[in-house]
Amino acid sequence: MTRIDDSNALTFAPEVIAAQDALKAAGIGAANILVQPLAEARETNRIFQRFLNVPVPDVGHIVEHRLDHLAHPVNVRLYYPASERPGPLPAYLHIHGGGFAQGDINSLDRWKREIANEAHLVTVGIEYALSPEAHYPVAIEQVIGALRWLRDQAATLGLDGERIAVGGDSAGGNLALNALLRLRDQNDDFVKTGIIIYGMLSADHDTPSHQTLGDGRYGLSTEKLAWYWERYAGDAARLQDPGVAPLYADVSHLPPLLLLAAALDPLLDDTLNLARKLDAAGQPTEPRIYPGVPHAFIAMTRILPQAREARDDVIAHLKQHLFIPAGI
């Protein structure tokens, strides 16, 4: 694992510069909702993801389901590992990022396939409703509905309903943490562990990481985040609501959490502040911070070693907390 503190130089790692050069050479750019119409930004994001995903690793098989029984129906995709073994498998629901406004079920397709194969579990993608078409709490209700469906239909799906994990990156980290909080509050805390990757957890933009890293030099900016928050919440008064911004919530009595963050990310302090709150609540958690990388780096496992390192840290955590035998 890699950890840093605030004294490290605020420069991209050489591997990140090489990855950025590869993207430029392929004519691939990141979406920018501040200058693109939303539909165009979403398509740019899809093109970006396709480039990073291919060639995709083979998995055992993939099954898609539409959960029409939910108040807000949602599509989910289950990736079964290439080397399936007898017996029910644990499941890991990963929720993609994109500021609640971009991304789809194909986001991080490579990541989900790699984790399925290497951790020997079923990874699950979800195509939750995006903002501004859907405001809070539609997406979080879809996530909770999908988690309960995985548990309740475990026998039919070949899953172990007692070994389920949830995680997400950026806005997905927000939804993952909020799902755990809601399940705890509803006395239905069946999810065994959570993984929060550079979570978008608070609309507080006065933090040191926003002040130092939020001007757009590293990709994600404070201005972009304000755009995302406004459209997700739908009402500025909701930005202090723990349901919208879970950093304001009581974080006691949660399952074990893995916190990952990028050193060159205006959201860095969201992760650090969550770690402090967990420590104060009696659940010490040391975040893993990857130096020299920006927000959204985990999507680059094909071209960035730091993304592969983060993926391997996630796999190790899942194996430990979902009781996956060593050697699998």
Protein backbone atom coordinates (compact mmCIF):
# COMPACT_ATOMS: atom_id res chain seq x y z
CA MET A 1 0.00 0.00 0.00
CA THR A 2 1.08 3.59 -0.46
CA ARG A 3 0.49 6.43 1.96
CA ILE A 4 1.55 10.05 1.83
CA ASP A 5 1.09 13.20 3.83
CA ASP A 6 0.54 16.80 2.79
CA SER A 7 4.28 17.52 2.58
CA ASN A 8 4.69 15.61 -0.68
CA ALA A 9 5.21 17.57 -3.88
CA LEU A 10 2.00 18.29 -5.77
CA THR A 11 3.18 16.87 -9.08
CA PHE A 12 1.91 14.05 -11.25
CA ALA A 13 3.80 10.77 -11.03
CA PRO A 14 5.76 9.91 -14.21
CA GLU A 15 3.39 7.00 -14.86
CA VAL A 16 0.42 9.39 -14.79
CA ILE A 17 2.09 11.68 -17.32
CA ALA A 18 2.75 8.66 -19.55
CA ALA A 19 -0.90 7.59 -19.23
CA GLN A 20 -2.08 11.10 -20.10
CA ASP A 21 0.19 11.09 -23.15
CA ALA A 22 -1.33 7.77 -24.25
CA LEU A 23 -4.82 9.25 -23.94
CA LYS A 24 -3.84 12.32 -25.94
CA ALA A 25 -2.22 10.18 -28.65
CA ALA A 26 -5.48 8.24 -28.98
CA GLY A 27 -7.48 11.46 -29.21
CA ILE A 28 -9.25 10.73 -25.92
CA GLY A 29 -10.22 13.57 -23.63
CA ALA A 30 -12.06 13.83 -20.33
CA ALA A 31 -15.59 15.21 -20.15
CA ASN A 32 -16.04 18.77 -18.91
CA ILE A 33 -19.58 19.68 -17.87
CA LEU A 34 -18.59 23.33 -17.45
CA VAL A 35 -18.05 23.80 -21.20
CA GLN A 36 -19.97 20.91 -22.78
CA PRO A 37 -23.73 20.36 -22.94
CA LEU A 38 -24.59 17.56 -20.52
CA ALA A 39 -25.47 15.06 -23.28
CA GLU A 40 -22.14 15.72 -24.98
CA ALA A 41 -20.23 15.42 -21.70
CA ARG A 42 -21.91 12.08 -21.02
CA GLU A 43 -20.93 10.78 -24.45
CA THR A 44 -17.36 11.99 -23.94
CA ASN A 45 -17.30 10.11 -20.66
CA ARG A 46 -18.55 6.94 -22.40
CA ILE A 47 -15.81 7.20 -25.04
CA PHE A 48 -13.21 7.74 -22.31
CA GLN A 49 -14.42 4.67 -20.43
CA ARG A 50 -14.47 2.49 -23.56
CA PHE A 51 -10.85 3.35 -24.27
CA LEU A 52 -9.79 2.44 -20.74
CA ASN A 53 -11.84 -0.77 -20.62
CA VAL A 54 -10.66 -2.51 -23.77
CA PRO A 55 -9.47 -5.11 -24.33
CA VAL A 56 -11.65 -6.49 -21.58
CA PRO A 57 -10.59 -9.58 -19.61
CA ASP A 58 -12.79 -12.62 -20.09
CA VAL A 59 -14.98 -13.62 -17.17
CA GLY A 60 -17.04 -16.74 -16.61
CA HIS A 61 -20.31 -15.19 -17.71
CA ILE A 62 -22.34 -12.02 -17.37
CA VAL A 63 -26.03 -11.72 -16.52
CA GLU A 64 -28.13 -8.57 -16.54
CA HIS A 65 -31.36 -8.02 -14.63
CA ARG A 66 -33.88 -5.21 -14.46
CA LEU A 67 -35.27 -4.72 -10.97
CA ASP A 68 -38.78 -3.68 -11.88
CA HIS A 69 -40.09 -4.33 -8.39
CA LEU A 70 -38.35 -1.22 -7.04
CA ALA A 71 -40.10 2.13 -6.79
CA HIS A 72 -37.41 3.36 -9.17
CA PRO A 73 -36.52 0.38 -11.40
CA VAL A 74 -32.84 -0.10 -12.12
CA ASN A 75 -30.58 -2.32 -14.23
CA VAL A 76 -27.83 -4.39 -12.64
CA ARG A 77 -25.10 -6.51 -14.23
CA LEU A 78 -23.48 -9.50 -12.53
CA TYR A 79 -19.95 -10.56 -13.52
CA TYR A 80 -19.17 -14.16 -12.54
CA PRO A 81 -15.47 -15.07 -12.27
CA ALA A 82 -13.69 -17.03 -14.98
CA SER A 83 -12.68 -19.83 -12.63
CA GLU A 84 -15.94 -20.65 -10.93
CA ARG A 85 -15.89 -23.21 -8.16
CA PRO A 86 -18.74 -25.13 -6.53
CA GLY A 87 -20.75 -23.35 -3.88
CA PRO A 88 -22.30 -19.93 -3.59
CA LEU A 89 -20.05 -16.94 -4.23
CA PRO A 90 -19.73 -13.66 -2.35
CA ALA A 91 -20.83 -10.50 -4.15
CA TYR A 92 -19.41 -6.99 -4.39
CA LEU A 93 -21.65 -4.20 -5.68
CA HIS A 94 -19.50 -1.38 -7.11
CA ILE A 95 -21.18 1.99 -7.75
CA HIS A 96 -19.56 4.13 -10.44
CA GLY A 97 -18.70 7.81 -10.07
CA GLY A 98 -19.39 10.74 -12.37
CA GLY A 99 -20.70 13.43 -10.06
CA PHE A 100 -24.12 11.73 -9.96
CA ALA A 101 -24.58 13.09 -13.51
CA GLN A 102 -22.38 10.90 -15.75
CA GLY A 103 -21.44 7.26 -16.19
CA ASP A 104 -23.45 4.12 -16.81
CA ILE A 105 -23.35 0.38 -16.26
CA ASN A 106 -20.30 0.11 -18.56
CA SER A 107 -18.22 2.45 -16.40
CA LEU A 108 -15.24 0.62 -14.88
CA ASP A 109 -16.15 -2.51 -16.83
CA ARG A 110 -12.52 -3.65 -16.83
CA TRP A 111 -12.19 -2.95 -13.08
CA LYS A 112 -15.25 -5.04 -12.27
CA ARG A 113 -14.06 -7.93 -14.44
CA GLU A 114 -10.60 -7.92 -12.89
CA ILE A 115 -11.98 -7.92 -9.36
CA ALA A 116 -14.39 -10.75 -10.16
CA ASN A 117 -11.57 -12.91 -11.50
CA GLU A 118 -8.90 -12.04 -8.95
CA ALA A 119 -11.06 -12.00 -5.82
CA HIS A 120 -13.15 -14.96 -7.02
CA LEU A 121 -16.48 -13.34 -6.38
CA VAL A 122 -19.36 -11.84 -8.33
CA THR A 123 -18.99 -8.14 -9.00
CA VAL A 124 -22.15 -6.19 -9.67
CA GLY A 125 -22.59 -2.98 -11.64
CA ILE A 126 -25.61 -0.73 -11.34
CA GLU A 127 -27.05 1.87 -13.72
CA TYR A 128 -28.53 4.21 -11.16
CA ALA A 129 -30.58 7.25 -12.19
CA LEU A 130 -28.49 10.33 -12.99
CA SER A 131 -29.05 13.94 -12.06
CA PRO A 132 -30.40 16.45 -12.85
CA GLU A 133 -33.15 14.22 -14.29
CA ALA A 134 -33.32 12.44 -10.92
CA HIS A 135 -32.48 14.17 -7.65
CA TYR A 136 -31.65 12.74 -4.25
CA PRO A 137 -32.83 10.26 -2.93
CA VAL A 138 -33.63 8.26 -6.10
CA ALA A 139 -30.12 6.83 -6.66
CA ILE A 140 -29.55 5.82 -3.05
CA GLU A 141 -32.92 4.07 -2.94
CA GLN A 142 -31.95 2.13 -6.08
CA VAL A 143 -28.65 1.08 -4.51
CA ILE A 144 -30.32 -0.15 -1.32
CA GLY A 145 -32.95 -1.96 -3.38
CA ALA A 146 -30.22 -3.69 -5.41
CA LEU A 147 -28.33 -4.77 -2.27
CA ARG A 148 -31.45 -6.27 -0.74
CA TRP A 149 -32.28 -7.99 -4.02
CA LEU A 150 -28.82 -9.59 -4.09
CA ARG A 151 -29.38 -10.89 -0.58
CA ASP A 152 -32.95 -12.03 -1.09
CA GLN A 153 -32.30 -13.70 -4.46
CA ALA A 154 -28.90 -15.09 -3.48
CA ALA A 155 -29.86 -18.74 -3.88
CA THR A 156 -31.22 -18.16 -7.39
CA LEU A 157 -28.19 -16.09 -8.39
CA GLY A 158 -25.58 -18.51 -7.04
CA LEU A 159 -24.55 -16.06 -4.33
CA ASP A 160 -23.92 -16.27 -0.62
CA GLY A 161 -26.39 -13.78 0.86
CA GLU A 162 -24.30 -13.52 4.01
CA ARG A 163 -21.19 -12.37 2.14
CA ILE A 164 -22.11 -9.12 0.38
CA ALA A 165 -20.00 -5.97 0.13
CA VAL A 166 -20.62 -2.54 -1.36
CA GLY A 167 -18.26 0.13 -2.62
CA GLY A 168 -17.97 2.99 -5.01
CA ASP A 169 -15.78 5.75 -6.35
CA SER A 170 -16.45 9.49 -6.11
CA ALA A 171 -20.24 9.96 -6.23
CA GLY A 172 -20.45 6.18 -6.01
CA GLY A 173 -18.49 6.34 -2.75
CA ASN A 174 -21.14 8.71 -1.44
CA LEU A 175 -23.90 6.26 -2.38
CA ALA A 176 -22.02 3.30 -0.90
CA LEU A 177 -21.47 5.05 2.43
CA ASN A 178 -25.04 6.31 2.52
CA ALA A 179 -26.36 2.82 1.81
CA LEU A 180 -24.47 1.48 4.82
CA LEU A 181 -25.76 4.31 6.99
CA ARG A 182 -29.37 3.75 5.95
CA LEU A 183 -29.18 -0.01 6.39
CA ARG A 184 -27.72 0.52 9.87
CA ASP A 185 -30.50 2.94 10.79
CA GLN A 186 -33.12 0.49 9.51
CA ASN A 187 -31.62 -2.36 11.59
CA ASP A 188 -30.84 -4.24 8.38
CA ASP A 189 -27.05 -4.04 8.39
CA PHE A 190 -26.35 -7.25 6.46
CA VAL A 191 -23.56 -5.84 4.26
CA LYS A 192 -20.23 -7.08 5.59
CA THR A 193 -17.88 -4.32 4.46
CA GLY A 194 -17.66 -1.10 2.46
CA ILE A 195 -15.07 0.42 0.15
CA ILE A 196 -15.06 4.20 -0.27
CA ILE A 197 -12.77 5.44 -3.06
CA TYR A 198 -12.13 9.19 -3.15
CA GLY A 199 -15.69 9.66 -1.99
CA MET A 200 -17.66 12.80 -2.80
CA LEU A 201 -18.89 13.10 0.76
CA SER A 202 -19.37 16.79 1.54
CA ALA A 203 -20.26 20.00 -0.26
CA ASP A 204 -17.80 21.90 1.96
CA HIS A 205 -15.38 23.48 -0.52
CA ASP A 206 -13.33 25.44 2.02
CA THR A 207 -11.09 22.51 2.91
CA PRO A 208 -7.30 22.64 2.40
CA SER A 209 -7.46 20.11 -0.42
CA HIS A 210 -10.01 22.23 -2.30
CA GLN A 211 -7.92 25.35 -1.75
CA THR A 212 -4.72 23.65 -2.93
CA LEU A 213 -5.98 21.22 -5.56
CA GLY A 214 -9.35 22.57 -6.70
CA ASP A 215 -8.35 24.98 -9.47
CA GLY A 216 -8.60 22.37 -12.23
CA ARG A 217 -4.89 21.71 -12.81
CA TYR A 218 -5.41 18.12 -11.75
CA GLY A 219 -8.64 17.50 -13.65
CA LEU A 220 -11.47 17.64 -11.14
CA SER A 221 -12.12 21.16 -9.85
CA THR A 222 -14.09 22.80 -7.06
CA GLU A 223 -16.21 24.52 -9.70
CA LYS A 224 -17.17 21.19 -11.28
CA LEU A 225 -18.02 19.71 -7.91
CA ALA A 226 -20.28 22.66 -7.09
CA TRP A 227 -22.09 22.04 -10.40
CA TYR A 228 -22.57 18.37 -9.54
CA TRP A 229 -23.76 19.01 -5.98
CA GLU A 230 -26.32 21.61 -7.05
CA ARG A 231 -27.92 19.26 -9.57
CA TYR A 232 -27.86 16.19 -7.34
CA ALA A 233 -29.36 17.88 -4.29
CA GLY A 234 -31.93 19.85 -6.27
CA ASP A 235 -32.16 22.33 -3.39
CA ALA A 236 -29.23 24.17 -1.79
CA ALA A 237 -30.79 23.64 1.65
CA ARG A 238 -30.22 19.89 1.23
CA LEU A 239 -26.44 20.23 1.00
CA GLN A 240 -26.16 20.00 4.80
CA ASP A 241 -28.44 16.95 4.92
CA PRO A 242 -26.45 13.86 6.01
CA GLY A 243 -28.48 11.85 3.50
CA VAL A 244 -27.05 13.98 0.70
CA ALA A 245 -23.60 14.56 2.20
CA PRO A 246 -22.78 11.60 4.48
CA LEU A 247 -19.73 13.26 6.01
CA TYR A 248 -22.25 15.04 8.26
CA ALA A 249 -23.75 11.75 9.46
CA ASP A 250 -23.14 9.73 12.59
CA VAL A 251 -20.70 7.10 11.33
CA SER A 252 -20.71 4.82 14.36
CA HIS A 253 -21.53 1.12 14.17
CA LEU A 254 -20.64 0.64 10.52
CA PRO A 255 -19.00 -2.48 9.09
CA PRO A 256 -15.24 -2.34 8.40
CA LEU A 257 -14.42 0.26 5.74
CA LEU A 258 -11.54 0.57 3.31
CA LEU A 259 -10.83 4.19 2.40
CA LEU A 260 -8.79 4.98 -0.71
CA ALA A 261 -7.88 8.43 -2.00
CA ALA A 262 -5.82 10.21 -4.64
CA ALA A 263 -3.19 12.67 -3.43
CA LEU A 264 -3.94 15.19 -6.21
CA ASP A 265 -7.68 15.44 -5.68
CA PRO A 266 -9.75 18.28 -4.22
CA LEU A 267 -11.81 15.57 -2.51
CA LEU A 268 -8.81 14.32 -0.52
CA ASP A 269 -10.00 15.97 2.69
CA ASP A 270 -13.38 14.26 2.40
CA THR A 271 -11.57 10.94 2.87
CA LEU A 272 -9.30 12.25 5.62
CA ASN A 273 -12.21 13.80 7.50
CA LEU A 274 -14.21 10.59 7.23
CA ALA A 275 -11.24 8.71 8.68
CA ARG A 276 -11.14 11.17 11.59
CA LYS A 277 -14.86 10.71 12.24
CA LEU A 278 -14.52 6.94 12.16
CA ASP A 279 -11.63 7.13 14.61
CA ALA A 280 -13.69 9.31 16.97
CA ALA A 281 -16.55 6.80 16.69
CA GLY A 282 -14.26 3.98 17.80
CA GLN A 283 -13.53 2.50 14.38
CA PRO A 284 -9.95 3.46 13.52
CA THR A 285 -9.39 3.40 9.77
CA GLU A 286 -6.18 4.50 8.10
CA PRO A 287 -6.88 5.73 4.56
CA ARG A 288 -4.63 4.62 1.75
CA ILE A 289 -3.55 7.61 -0.30
CA TYR A 290 -1.80 7.12 -3.63
CA PRO A 291 0.80 9.78 -4.43
CA GLY A 292 1.06 11.58 -7.74
CA VAL A 293 -2.35 10.52 -9.04
CA PRO A 294 -5.52 12.52 -9.68
CA HIS A 295 -9.19 11.84 -9.07
CA ALA A 296 -10.65 8.97 -11.14
CA PHE A 297 -7.31 7.16 -11.50
CA ILE A 298 -8.69 3.72 -10.63
CA ALA A 299 -10.29 3.44 -14.07
CA MET A 300 -6.84 3.16 -15.65
CA THR A 301 -5.78 -0.36 -14.64
CA ARG A 302 -4.80 -1.08 -18.24
CA ILE A 303 -2.25 1.75 -18.39
CA LEU A 304 -1.47 2.92 -14.85
CA PRO A 305 0.33 0.83 -12.21
CA GLN A 306 -1.11 2.89 -9.36
CA ALA A 307 -4.60 1.89 -10.50
CA ARG A 308 -3.56 -1.76 -10.41
CA GLU A 309 -2.15 -1.25 -6.92
CA ALA A 310 -5.45 0.24 -5.74
CA ARG A 311 -7.34 -2.63 -7.35
CA ASP A 312 -5.15 -5.15 -5.55
CA ASP A 313 -5.73 -3.36 -2.23
CA VAL A 314 -9.47 -3.63 -2.84
CA ILE A 315 -9.16 -7.34 -3.68
CA ALA A 316 -7.16 -8.02 -0.52
CA HIS A 317 -9.77 -6.22 1.58
CA LEU A 318 -12.64 -8.11 -0.02
CA LYS A 319 -10.91 -11.45 0.49
CA GLN A 320 -10.33 -10.66 4.15
CA HIS A 321 -13.82 -9.43 5.00
CA LEU A 322 -15.83 -11.76 2.78
CA PHE A 323 -13.84 -14.75 4.07
CA ILE A 324 -12.50 -15.86 0.72
CA PRO A 325 -9.96 -18.65 1.32
CA ALA A 326 -6.30 -17.89 0.72
CA GLY A 327 -4.96 -19.15 -2.60
CA ILE A 328 -8.16 -18.33 -4.50
